[in-house]
Amino acid sequence: MNRFTVFSLLLSLWGAWNWYSHRPVKGPKGMDIVNNAPFQTNTDADEFDYKNYRIKPMADFSISARVLSRADYSLDREADLVPTDLALGWGRMADDGVINQLEISQSGRFYFWRYHNPPPIPPQEIIRSSANMHLIPADTAIENAIDSIHPGQIVRFEGYLVNAVTKNGWEWRSSLTREDTGRGACELVWVKSLQIE
């Protein structure tokens, strides 16, 4: 085989493995809805250094939610800090009956949803009950756990909503509300603990 054929074969195998390792799964039986909204309170946590960033905790944060989609990044500016984004849903946005009527995708660090008229639930409820979250793993064990997450699973994690600043002044700020949408509406989360169901 020539080099191009070998390269094409390896690329195909990598693509198949990547899809399989992050394929959607059915949620836990008897748990179609995760009822509680994310929980957020003021924090007294100190700033700290991580890789090439100064991490500034803005709020204590915990969430139980359904994984609607995941996106992995390795080439953009932020990939060293946040290798994975999860689109998460709670309340009726964790319900198969609602999710199956939406087209959900992620691209360029954003989460997108579309519906065919009429919407399964009011659009404002979709906004308030789902979000794209940029996950910063606190250690290697958390990073490995995040890497094992599949769409459809229920995840529970806690940590901080943070701002991250580089030495040259570039800053990535977390949203501090679930009511916003568009640029700046994603949560930047320092993940201290994580459970997958």
N, C-alpha and C. Protein backbone atom coordinates (compact mmCIF):
# COMPACT_ATOMS: atom_id res chain seq x y z
N MET A 1 0.84 -1.19 0.00
CA MET A 1 0.00 0.00 0.00
C MET A 1 0.88 1.25 0.00
N ASN A 2 0.41 2.28 -0.73
CA ASN A 2 1.19 3.52 -0.73
C ASN A 2 0.86 4.34 0.50
N ARG A 3 1.60 5.42 0.71
CA ARG A 3 1.46 6.23 1.93
C ARG A 3 0.07 6.86 2.04
N PHE A 4 -0.46 7.31 0.91
CA PHE A 4 -1.78 7.94 0.94
C PHE A 4 -2.84 6.95 1.41
N THR A 5 -2.77 5.73 0.94
CA THR A 5 -3.73 4.71 1.33
C THR A 5 -3.62 4.41 2.82
N VAL A 6 -2.39 4.27 3.31
CA VAL A 6 -2.17 4.00 4.73
C VAL A 6 -2.69 5.17 5.57
N PHE A 7 -2.39 6.39 5.15
CA PHE A 7 -2.85 7.57 5.88
C PHE A 7 -4.38 7.62 5.90
N SER A 8 -5.01 7.37 4.76
CA SER A 8 -6.48 7.39 4.68
C SER A 8 -7.09 6.33 5.59
N LEU A 9 -6.48 5.15 5.61
CA LEU A 9 -6.97 4.07 6.46
C LEU A 9 -6.85 4.45 7.94
N LEU A 10 -5.71 5.00 8.32
CA LEU A 10 -5.51 5.40 9.71
C LEU A 10 -6.47 6.52 10.11
N LEU A 11 -6.70 7.47 9.20
CA LEU A 11 -7.62 8.55 9.48
C LEU A 11 -9.04 8.03 9.64
N SER A 12 -9.42 7.07 8.81
CA SER A 12 -10.76 6.47 8.92
C SER A 12 -10.92 5.72 10.24
N LEU A 13 -9.88 4.97 10.62
CA LEU A 13 -9.94 4.24 11.89
C LEU A 13 -10.01 5.18 13.07
N TRP A 14 -9.24 6.27 13.02
CA TRP A 14 -9.30 7.25 14.10
C TRP A 14 -10.68 7.87 14.19
N GLY A 15 -11.27 8.24 13.04
CA GLY A 15 -12.62 8.83 13.02
C GLY A 15 -13.66 7.87 13.59
N ALA A 16 -13.56 6.61 13.20
CA ALA A 16 -14.52 5.61 13.71
C ALA A 16 -14.36 5.43 15.21
N TRP A 17 -13.14 5.36 15.69
CA TRP A 17 -12.92 5.20 17.13
C TRP A 17 -13.40 6.42 17.90
N ASN A 18 -13.12 7.64 17.37
CA ASN A 18 -13.56 8.86 18.03
C ASN A 18 -15.08 8.91 18.12
N TRP A 19 -15.78 8.53 17.04
CA TRP A 19 -17.24 8.51 17.09
C TRP A 19 -17.72 7.47 18.10
N TYR A 20 -17.15 6.28 18.06
CA TYR A 20 -17.60 5.21 18.95
C TYR A 20 -17.37 5.56 20.41
N SER A 21 -16.23 6.15 20.70
CA SER A 21 -15.90 6.44 22.10
C SER A 21 -16.75 7.56 22.69
N HIS A 22 -17.39 8.37 21.83
CA HIS A 22 -18.24 9.46 22.31
C HIS A 22 -19.65 9.38 21.75
N ARG A 23 -20.07 8.17 21.33
CA ARG A 23 -21.39 8.00 20.73
C ARG A 23 -22.49 8.29 21.75
N PRO A 24 -23.65 8.77 21.27
CA PRO A 24 -24.78 8.98 22.19
C PRO A 24 -25.24 7.67 22.82
N VAL A 25 -25.70 7.77 24.05
CA VAL A 25 -26.25 6.61 24.75
C VAL A 25 -27.61 6.99 25.30
N LYS A 26 -28.41 5.99 25.65
CA LYS A 26 -29.69 6.27 26.29
C LYS A 26 -29.43 6.65 27.74
N GLY A 27 -30.25 7.59 28.24
CA GLY A 27 -30.12 8.00 29.64
C GLY A 27 -30.54 6.88 30.57
N PRO A 28 -30.28 7.03 31.85
CA PRO A 28 -30.66 6.01 32.82
C PRO A 28 -32.15 5.74 32.81
N LYS A 29 -32.55 4.48 32.93
CA LYS A 29 -33.97 4.13 32.95
C LYS A 29 -34.64 4.79 34.15
N GLY A 30 -35.86 5.30 33.90
CA GLY A 30 -36.62 5.91 34.98
C GLY A 30 -36.14 7.29 35.38
N MET A 31 -35.20 7.87 34.63
CA MET A 31 -34.71 9.20 34.98
C MET A 31 -34.67 10.06 33.72
N ASP A 32 -35.83 10.34 33.19
CA ASP A 32 -35.91 11.14 31.97
C ASP A 32 -35.73 12.62 32.23
N ILE A 33 -36.00 13.07 33.45
CA ILE A 33 -35.96 14.50 33.74
C ILE A 33 -35.04 14.77 34.93
N VAL A 34 -34.14 15.72 34.76
CA VAL A 34 -33.32 16.23 35.86
C VAL A 34 -33.96 17.56 36.24
N ASN A 35 -34.62 17.61 37.39
CA ASN A 35 -35.51 18.72 37.69
C ASN A 35 -34.83 20.01 38.14
N ASN A 36 -33.75 19.91 38.88
CA ASN A 36 -33.19 21.10 39.51
C ASN A 36 -32.30 21.90 38.57
N ALA A 37 -32.45 23.21 38.61
CA ALA A 37 -31.57 24.10 37.86
C ALA A 37 -30.19 24.10 38.52
N PRO A 38 -29.15 24.50 37.80
CA PRO A 38 -27.82 24.60 38.42
C PRO A 38 -27.87 25.50 39.66
N PHE A 39 -27.01 25.18 40.62
CA PHE A 39 -26.98 25.90 41.89
C PHE A 39 -25.72 26.74 41.94
N GLN A 40 -25.88 28.03 42.25
CA GLN A 40 -24.77 28.97 42.22
C GLN A 40 -24.84 29.88 43.43
N THR A 41 -23.70 30.07 44.10
CA THR A 41 -23.64 30.98 45.25
C THR A 41 -22.35 31.78 45.18
N ASN A 42 -22.28 32.84 45.95
CA ASN A 42 -21.05 33.63 46.05
C ASN A 42 -19.93 32.74 46.58
N THR A 43 -18.71 33.05 46.19
CA THR A 43 -17.56 32.26 46.63
C THR A 43 -16.53 33.14 47.31
N ASP A 44 -15.77 32.55 48.23
CA ASP A 44 -14.64 33.24 48.83
C ASP A 44 -13.33 32.57 48.43
N ALA A 45 -13.39 31.74 47.37
CA ALA A 45 -12.19 31.05 46.90
C ALA A 45 -11.18 32.04 46.34
N ASP A 46 -9.91 31.78 46.60
CA ASP A 46 -8.83 32.66 46.13
C ASP A 46 -8.49 32.37 44.67
N GLU A 47 -7.91 33.37 44.03
CA GLU A 47 -7.38 33.19 42.68
C GLU A 47 -6.20 32.23 42.73
N PHE A 48 -5.92 31.56 41.59
CA PHE A 48 -4.78 30.66 41.54
C PHE A 48 -4.29 30.55 40.10
N ASP A 49 -3.06 30.07 39.95
CA ASP A 49 -2.46 29.89 38.63
C ASP A 49 -2.68 28.46 38.16
N TYR A 50 -2.96 28.34 36.86
CA TYR A 50 -3.15 27.02 36.24
C TYR A 50 -2.65 27.12 34.81
N LYS A 51 -1.65 26.29 34.50
CA LYS A 51 -1.01 26.35 33.17
C LYS A 51 -0.56 27.79 32.94
N ASN A 52 -0.97 28.42 31.83
CA ASN A 52 -0.56 29.79 31.55
C ASN A 52 -1.64 30.81 31.89
N TYR A 53 -2.53 30.44 32.81
CA TYR A 53 -3.68 31.29 33.13
C TYR A 53 -3.72 31.64 34.62
N ARG A 54 -4.29 32.78 34.91
CA ARG A 54 -4.68 33.15 36.27
C ARG A 54 -6.17 32.87 36.35
N ILE A 55 -6.57 31.96 37.24
CA ILE A 55 -7.96 31.55 37.37
C ILE A 55 -8.59 32.34 38.51
N LYS A 56 -9.71 33.02 38.20
CA LYS A 56 -10.41 33.85 39.18
C LYS A 56 -11.79 33.26 39.44
N PRO A 57 -11.97 32.55 40.56
CA PRO A 57 -13.31 32.03 40.88
C PRO A 57 -14.31 33.17 41.08
N MET A 58 -15.46 33.05 40.40
CA MET A 58 -16.50 34.07 40.48
C MET A 58 -17.71 33.60 41.28
N ALA A 59 -17.94 32.28 41.33
CA ALA A 59 -19.08 31.73 42.06
C ALA A 59 -18.85 30.25 42.30
N ASP A 60 -19.34 29.76 43.44
CA ASP A 60 -19.42 28.31 43.63
C ASP A 60 -20.55 27.80 42.75
N PHE A 61 -20.38 26.59 42.18
CA PHE A 61 -21.32 26.13 41.17
C PHE A 61 -21.46 24.62 41.24
N SER A 62 -22.70 24.14 41.13
CA SER A 62 -22.94 22.69 41.03
C SER A 62 -24.12 22.48 40.09
N ILE A 63 -24.13 21.32 39.43
CA ILE A 63 -25.16 21.04 38.44
C ILE A 63 -25.37 19.54 38.32
N SER A 64 -26.62 19.14 38.09
CA SER A 64 -26.98 17.80 37.64
C SER A 64 -27.74 18.02 36.34
N ALA A 65 -27.30 17.39 35.25
CA ALA A 65 -27.90 17.68 33.95
C ALA A 65 -27.72 16.52 32.99
N ARG A 66 -28.51 16.53 31.95
CA ARG A 66 -28.41 15.57 30.84
C ARG A 66 -27.44 16.12 29.81
N VAL A 67 -26.57 15.28 29.31
CA VAL A 67 -25.63 15.69 28.26
C VAL A 67 -26.37 15.65 26.93
N LEU A 68 -26.54 16.81 26.32
CA LEU A 68 -27.22 16.92 25.04
C LEU A 68 -26.26 16.72 23.87
N SER A 69 -25.04 17.15 24.05
CA SER A 69 -24.02 17.06 23.00
C SER A 69 -22.66 17.33 23.63
N ARG A 70 -21.61 16.92 22.95
CA ARG A 70 -20.26 17.26 23.39
C ARG A 70 -19.43 17.66 22.19
N ALA A 71 -18.45 18.51 22.42
CA ALA A 71 -17.52 18.91 21.37
C ALA A 71 -16.12 18.94 21.98
N ASP A 72 -15.18 18.34 21.27
CA ASP A 72 -13.79 18.31 21.73
C ASP A 72 -12.95 19.23 20.86
N TYR A 73 -12.01 19.92 21.48
CA TYR A 73 -11.19 20.90 20.78
C TYR A 73 -9.72 20.62 21.05
N SER A 74 -8.92 20.75 20.00
CA SER A 74 -7.47 20.55 20.17
C SER A 74 -6.66 21.62 19.44
N LEU A 75 -7.29 22.41 18.58
CA LEU A 75 -6.53 23.33 17.75
C LEU A 75 -6.78 24.81 18.05
N ASP A 76 -7.84 25.15 18.77
CA ASP A 76 -8.11 26.57 18.99
C ASP A 76 -7.29 27.10 20.16
N ARG A 77 -7.34 28.40 20.35
CA ARG A 77 -6.53 29.07 21.37
C ARG A 77 -6.77 28.53 22.77
N GLU A 78 -8.02 28.14 23.05
CA GLU A 78 -8.41 27.76 24.39
C GLU A 78 -8.28 26.28 24.69
N ALA A 79 -7.85 25.48 23.71
CA ALA A 79 -7.87 24.02 23.85
C ALA A 79 -6.98 23.52 24.99
N ASP A 80 -5.90 24.23 25.29
CA ASP A 80 -5.03 23.79 26.38
C ASP A 80 -5.72 23.94 27.74
N LEU A 81 -6.66 24.90 27.82
CA LEU A 81 -7.39 25.14 29.06
C LEU A 81 -8.67 24.31 29.10
N VAL A 82 -9.41 24.29 27.99
CA VAL A 82 -10.71 23.62 27.91
C VAL A 82 -10.72 22.69 26.71
N PRO A 83 -10.39 21.40 26.90
CA PRO A 83 -10.41 20.47 25.77
C PRO A 83 -11.81 20.03 25.36
N THR A 84 -12.82 20.19 26.25
CA THR A 84 -14.17 19.70 25.97
C THR A 84 -15.23 20.69 26.42
N ASP A 85 -16.23 20.88 25.56
CA ASP A 85 -17.45 21.60 25.92
C ASP A 85 -18.59 20.59 25.98
N LEU A 86 -19.48 20.76 26.94
CA LEU A 86 -20.70 19.97 27.01
C LEU A 86 -21.90 20.89 26.88
N ALA A 87 -22.84 20.53 26.00
CA ALA A 87 -24.16 21.16 26.00
C ALA A 87 -25.01 20.36 26.97
N LEU A 88 -25.57 21.02 27.97
CA LEU A 88 -26.28 20.35 29.05
C LEU A 88 -27.72 20.85 29.15
N GLY A 89 -28.63 19.96 29.56
CA GLY A 89 -30.02 20.33 29.75
C GLY A 89 -30.55 19.83 31.07
N TRP A 90 -31.47 20.59 31.66
CA TRP A 90 -32.12 20.21 32.91
C TRP A 90 -33.60 20.60 32.81
N GLY A 91 -34.40 20.20 33.80
CA GLY A 91 -35.83 20.41 33.68
C GLY A 91 -36.35 19.67 32.46
N ARG A 92 -37.23 20.30 31.71
CA ARG A 92 -37.77 19.62 30.53
C ARG A 92 -36.76 19.47 29.40
N MET A 93 -35.64 20.18 29.49
CA MET A 93 -34.57 19.99 28.49
C MET A 93 -33.74 18.75 28.76
N ALA A 94 -34.12 17.96 29.76
CA ALA A 94 -33.51 16.64 29.97
C ALA A 94 -34.46 15.52 29.58
N ASP A 95 -35.62 15.88 29.06
CA ASP A 95 -36.67 14.92 28.74
C ASP A 95 -36.54 14.47 27.28
N ASP A 96 -36.51 13.15 27.06
CA ASP A 96 -36.40 12.61 25.71
C ASP A 96 -37.49 13.16 24.79
N GLY A 97 -38.71 13.34 25.32
CA GLY A 97 -39.81 13.83 24.50
C GLY A 97 -39.56 15.21 23.93
N VAL A 98 -38.79 16.02 24.65
CA VAL A 98 -38.42 17.36 24.18
C VAL A 98 -37.17 17.29 23.31
N ILE A 99 -36.14 16.61 23.81
CA ILE A 99 -34.86 16.55 23.10
C ILE A 99 -35.03 15.98 21.70
N ASN A 100 -35.86 14.97 21.56
CA ASN A 100 -36.03 14.32 20.26
C ASN A 100 -36.71 15.19 19.23
N GLN A 101 -37.30 16.30 19.66
CA GLN A 101 -37.92 17.23 18.72
C GLN A 101 -37.01 18.41 18.37
N LEU A 102 -35.79 18.38 18.88
CA LEU A 102 -34.83 19.45 18.62
C LEU A 102 -33.63 18.92 17.83
N GLU A 103 -33.07 19.76 17.00
CA GLU A 103 -31.77 19.47 16.37
C GLU A 103 -30.73 20.21 17.20
N ILE A 104 -29.82 19.47 17.80
CA ILE A 104 -28.82 20.04 18.71
C ILE A 104 -27.43 19.82 18.13
N SER A 105 -26.62 20.87 18.15
CA SER A 105 -25.25 20.76 17.63
C SER A 105 -24.35 21.75 18.37
N GLN A 106 -23.05 21.56 18.18
CA GLN A 106 -22.05 22.46 18.74
C GLN A 106 -21.01 22.76 17.67
N SER A 107 -20.51 23.98 17.68
CA SER A 107 -19.46 24.36 16.74
C SER A 107 -18.84 25.67 17.21
N GLY A 108 -17.52 25.78 17.08
CA GLY A 108 -16.84 27.03 17.39
C GLY A 108 -17.08 27.54 18.80
N ARG A 109 -17.23 26.61 19.75
CA ARG A 109 -17.45 26.93 21.16
C ARG A 109 -18.87 27.41 21.45
N PHE A 110 -19.79 27.18 20.52
CA PHE A 110 -21.19 27.53 20.72
C PHE A 110 -22.06 26.28 20.67
N TYR A 111 -23.24 26.38 21.28
CA TYR A 111 -24.26 25.33 21.28
C TYR A 111 -25.47 25.87 20.52
N PHE A 112 -26.00 25.06 19.61
CA PHE A 112 -27.12 25.49 18.78
C PHE A 112 -28.28 24.52 18.91
N TRP A 113 -29.50 25.04 18.87
CA TRP A 113 -30.69 24.20 18.85
C TRP A 113 -31.66 24.78 17.83
N ARG A 114 -32.37 23.85 17.17
CA ARG A 114 -33.38 24.23 16.19
C ARG A 114 -34.58 23.33 16.36
N TYR A 115 -35.72 23.83 15.95
CA TYR A 115 -36.94 23.02 16.02
C TYR A 115 -37.76 23.30 14.77
N HIS A 116 -38.66 22.38 14.49
CA HIS A 116 -39.64 22.57 13.43
C HIS A 116 -40.94 22.94 14.12
N ASN A 117 -41.59 23.98 13.62
CA ASN A 117 -42.78 24.51 14.29
C ASN A 117 -43.81 23.43 14.58
N PRO A 118 -44.47 23.51 15.74
CA PRO A 118 -44.20 24.44 16.84
C PRO A 118 -43.06 23.91 17.71
N PRO A 119 -42.44 24.77 18.54
CA PRO A 119 -41.37 24.28 19.43
C PRO A 119 -41.96 23.33 20.48
N PRO A 120 -41.20 22.34 20.92
CA PRO A 120 -41.71 21.39 21.92
C PRO A 120 -41.99 22.04 23.27
N ILE A 121 -41.22 23.05 23.61
CA ILE A 121 -41.45 23.87 24.80
C ILE A 121 -41.13 25.31 24.41
N PRO A 122 -41.56 26.32 25.17
CA PRO A 122 -41.28 27.70 24.78
C PRO A 122 -39.77 27.96 24.64
N PRO A 123 -39.36 28.70 23.59
CA PRO A 123 -37.93 28.98 23.39
C PRO A 123 -37.24 29.58 24.61
N GLN A 124 -37.91 30.43 25.37
CA GLN A 124 -37.29 31.00 26.58
C GLN A 124 -36.99 29.92 27.61
N GLU A 125 -37.82 28.89 27.65
CA GLU A 125 -37.55 27.78 28.57
C GLU A 125 -36.34 26.98 28.10
N ILE A 126 -36.20 26.82 26.79
CA ILE A 126 -35.00 26.15 26.26
C ILE A 126 -33.75 26.91 26.69
N ILE A 127 -33.79 28.24 26.56
CA ILE A 127 -32.64 29.07 26.94
C ILE A 127 -32.33 28.93 28.43
N ARG A 128 -33.38 28.99 29.27
CA ARG A 128 -33.18 28.93 30.73
C ARG A 128 -32.81 27.54 31.22
N SER A 129 -33.10 26.51 30.42
CA SER A 129 -32.93 25.12 30.88
C SER A 129 -31.84 24.36 30.15
N SER A 130 -30.96 25.07 29.47
CA SER A 130 -29.84 24.41 28.80
C SER A 130 -28.72 25.42 28.62
N ALA A 131 -27.51 24.91 28.45
CA ALA A 131 -26.36 25.80 28.28
C ALA A 131 -25.18 25.02 27.73
N ASN A 132 -24.29 25.77 27.09
CA ASN A 132 -23.00 25.22 26.67
C ASN A 132 -22.00 25.55 27.77
N MET A 133 -21.31 24.54 28.27
CA MET A 133 -20.37 24.76 29.37
C MET A 133 -18.98 24.32 28.96
N HIS A 134 -18.03 25.25 29.14
CA HIS A 134 -16.62 24.99 28.88
C HIS A 134 -16.02 24.41 30.16
N LEU A 135 -15.53 23.18 30.11
CA LEU A 135 -15.08 22.50 31.32
C LEU A 135 -13.56 22.52 31.46
N ILE A 136 -13.08 23.05 32.57
CA ILE A 136 -11.66 23.03 32.91
C ILE A 136 -11.47 21.92 33.95
N PRO A 137 -10.81 20.82 33.59
CA PRO A 137 -10.62 19.75 34.58
C PRO A 137 -9.57 20.13 35.62
N ALA A 138 -9.91 19.94 36.90
CA ALA A 138 -9.00 20.32 37.98
C ALA A 138 -7.78 19.41 38.08
N ASP A 139 -7.90 18.16 37.59
CA ASP A 139 -6.77 17.24 37.63
C ASP A 139 -6.95 16.18 36.54
N THR A 140 -5.99 15.28 36.46
CA THR A 140 -6.00 14.26 35.40
C THR A 140 -7.18 13.31 35.53
N ALA A 141 -7.56 12.96 36.77
CA ALA A 141 -8.70 12.07 36.97
C ALA A 141 -9.99 12.70 36.44
N ILE A 142 -10.19 13.99 36.70
CA ILE A 142 -11.36 14.69 36.18
C ILE A 142 -11.29 14.77 34.66
N GLU A 143 -10.13 15.05 34.12
CA GLU A 143 -9.97 15.11 32.66
C GLU A 143 -10.33 13.77 32.01
N ASN A 144 -9.86 12.67 32.61
CA ASN A 144 -10.19 11.34 32.07
C ASN A 144 -11.69 11.06 32.18
N ALA A 145 -12.30 11.49 33.28
CA ALA A 145 -13.74 11.28 33.44
C ALA A 145 -14.52 12.07 32.40
N ILE A 146 -14.13 13.32 32.16
CA ILE A 146 -14.80 14.13 31.14
C ILE A 146 -14.66 13.48 29.77
N ASP A 147 -13.49 12.93 29.51
CA ASP A 147 -13.25 12.30 28.21
C ASP A 147 -14.14 11.08 28.00
N SER A 148 -14.66 10.49 29.07
CA SER A 148 -15.48 9.28 28.95
C SER A 148 -16.98 9.58 28.82
N ILE A 149 -17.36 10.86 28.88
CA ILE A 149 -18.78 11.23 28.88
C ILE A 149 -19.38 11.06 27.48
N HIS A 150 -20.62 10.54 27.45
CA HIS A 150 -21.37 10.37 26.21
C HIS A 150 -22.64 11.21 26.25
N PRO A 151 -23.07 11.77 25.11
CA PRO A 151 -24.40 12.39 25.06
C PRO A 151 -25.46 11.40 25.51
N GLY A 152 -26.42 11.88 26.27
CA GLY A 152 -27.48 11.03 26.80
C GLY A 152 -27.29 10.70 28.27
N GLN A 153 -26.05 10.78 28.76
CA GLN A 153 -25.80 10.47 30.16
C GLN A 153 -26.20 11.63 31.07
N ILE A 154 -26.38 11.31 32.34
CA ILE A 154 -26.59 12.32 33.37
C ILE A 154 -25.24 12.56 34.05
N VAL A 155 -24.85 13.83 34.15
CA VAL A 155 -23.61 14.18 34.84
C VAL A 155 -23.92 15.09 36.02
N ARG A 156 -23.12 14.94 37.05
CA ARG A 156 -23.22 15.80 38.23
C ARG A 156 -21.80 16.30 38.52
N PHE A 157 -21.63 17.61 38.56
CA PHE A 157 -20.30 18.11 38.91
C PHE A 157 -20.42 19.40 39.70
N GLU A 158 -19.34 19.70 40.39
CA GLU A 158 -19.28 20.93 41.16
C GLU A 158 -17.90 21.53 41.06
N GLY A 159 -17.85 22.82 41.30
CA GLY A 159 -16.59 23.56 41.21
C GLY A 159 -16.87 25.04 41.27
N TYR A 160 -16.25 25.80 40.36
CA TYR A 160 -16.42 27.24 40.33
C TYR A 160 -16.75 27.69 38.91
N LEU A 161 -17.55 28.74 38.80
CA LEU A 161 -17.59 29.53 37.58
C LEU A 161 -16.42 30.49 37.67
N VAL A 162 -15.62 30.57 36.60
CA VAL A 162 -14.37 31.31 36.69
C VAL A 162 -14.16 32.23 35.49
N ASN A 163 -13.27 33.19 35.69
CA ASN A 163 -12.67 33.93 34.60
C ASN A 163 -11.22 33.48 34.52
N ALA A 164 -10.70 33.39 33.30
CA ALA A 164 -9.31 32.97 33.10
C ALA A 164 -8.58 34.07 32.34
N VAL A 165 -7.42 34.48 32.86
CA VAL A 165 -6.68 35.59 32.28
C VAL A 165 -5.25 35.15 31.98
N THR A 166 -4.75 35.49 30.78
CA THR A 166 -3.36 35.18 30.44
C THR A 166 -2.46 36.34 30.85
N LYS A 167 -1.15 36.10 30.80
CA LYS A 167 -0.20 37.13 31.21
C LYS A 167 -0.25 38.35 30.30
N ASN A 168 -0.64 38.15 29.04
CA ASN A 168 -0.72 39.30 28.12
C ASN A 168 -2.08 40.00 28.18
N GLY A 169 -2.95 39.58 29.13
CA GLY A 169 -4.19 40.30 29.35
C GLY A 169 -5.42 39.75 28.67
N TRP A 170 -5.27 38.71 27.85
CA TRP A 170 -6.45 38.09 27.22
C TRP A 170 -7.28 37.40 28.29
N GLU A 171 -8.60 37.62 28.25
CA GLU A 171 -9.46 37.09 29.31
C GLU A 171 -10.63 36.33 28.72
N TRP A 172 -10.96 35.22 29.36
CA TRP A 172 -12.13 34.41 29.02
C TRP A 172 -13.04 34.45 30.24
N ARG A 173 -14.23 35.03 30.07
CA ARG A 173 -15.13 35.27 31.20
C ARG A 173 -16.31 34.30 31.16
N SER A 174 -16.69 33.81 32.33
CA SER A 174 -17.86 32.95 32.43
C SER A 174 -19.13 33.77 32.51
N SER A 175 -20.20 33.26 31.93
CA SER A 175 -21.53 33.79 32.22
C SER A 175 -21.85 33.45 33.68
N LEU A 176 -22.62 34.33 34.31
CA LEU A 176 -23.04 34.10 35.69
C LEU A 176 -24.56 33.98 35.81
N THR A 177 -25.23 33.78 34.67
CA THR A 177 -26.68 33.64 34.67
C THR A 177 -27.09 32.58 33.65
N ARG A 178 -28.25 31.98 33.87
CA ARG A 178 -28.79 31.01 32.90
C ARG A 178 -29.81 31.66 31.98
N GLU A 179 -29.94 32.96 32.06
CA GLU A 179 -30.97 33.67 31.29
C GLU A 179 -30.43 34.23 29.97
N ASP A 180 -29.13 34.18 29.75
CA ASP A 180 -28.55 34.83 28.57
C ASP A 180 -28.40 33.87 27.40
N THR A 181 -28.08 34.42 26.25
CA THR A 181 -27.88 33.64 25.05
C THR A 181 -26.89 34.37 24.15
N GLY A 182 -26.28 33.66 23.21
CA GLY A 182 -25.34 34.28 22.29
C GLY A 182 -23.93 34.38 22.86
N ARG A 183 -23.11 35.24 22.25
CA ARG A 183 -21.72 35.38 22.67
C ARG A 183 -21.63 35.81 24.13
N GLY A 184 -20.78 35.12 24.89
CA GLY A 184 -20.61 35.44 26.30
C GLY A 184 -21.59 34.73 27.22
N ALA A 185 -22.47 33.89 26.65
CA ALA A 185 -23.50 33.25 27.47
C ALA A 185 -23.08 31.89 28.03
N CYS A 186 -21.92 31.40 27.64
CA CYS A 186 -21.48 30.08 28.10
C CYS A 186 -20.83 30.18 29.47
N GLU A 187 -20.93 29.09 30.21
CA GLU A 187 -20.29 29.01 31.52
C GLU A 187 -18.88 28.43 31.36
N LEU A 188 -17.93 29.04 32.02
CA LEU A 188 -16.56 28.54 32.10
C LEU A 188 -16.40 27.95 33.49
N VAL A 189 -16.28 26.62 33.57
CA VAL A 189 -16.40 25.91 34.84
C VAL A 189 -15.11 25.20 35.21
N TRP A 190 -14.59 25.53 36.38
CA TRP A 190 -13.50 24.76 36.98
C TRP A 190 -14.14 23.58 37.68
N VAL A 191 -13.90 22.36 37.17
CA VAL A 191 -14.59 21.16 37.67
C VAL A 191 -13.72 20.48 38.71
N LYS A 192 -14.20 20.48 39.97
CA LYS A 192 -13.47 19.86 41.08
C LYS A 192 -13.87 18.41 41.32
N SER A 193 -15.15 18.11 41.07
CA SER A 193 -15.63 16.74 41.25
C SER A 193 -16.66 16.44 40.18
N LEU A 194 -16.75 15.16 39.79
CA LEU A 194 -17.63 14.79 38.68
C LEU A 194 -18.13 13.37 38.89
N GLN A 195 -19.44 13.18 38.67
CA GLN A 195 -20.04 11.85 38.67
C GLN A 195 -20.81 11.69 37.36
N ILE A 196 -20.78 10.48 36.82
CA ILE A 196 -21.49 10.16 35.58
C ILE A 196 -22.45 9.04 35.87
N GLU A 197 -23.72 9.17 35.42
CA GLU A 197 -24.70 8.11 35.63
C GLU A 197 -25.11 7.51 34.29
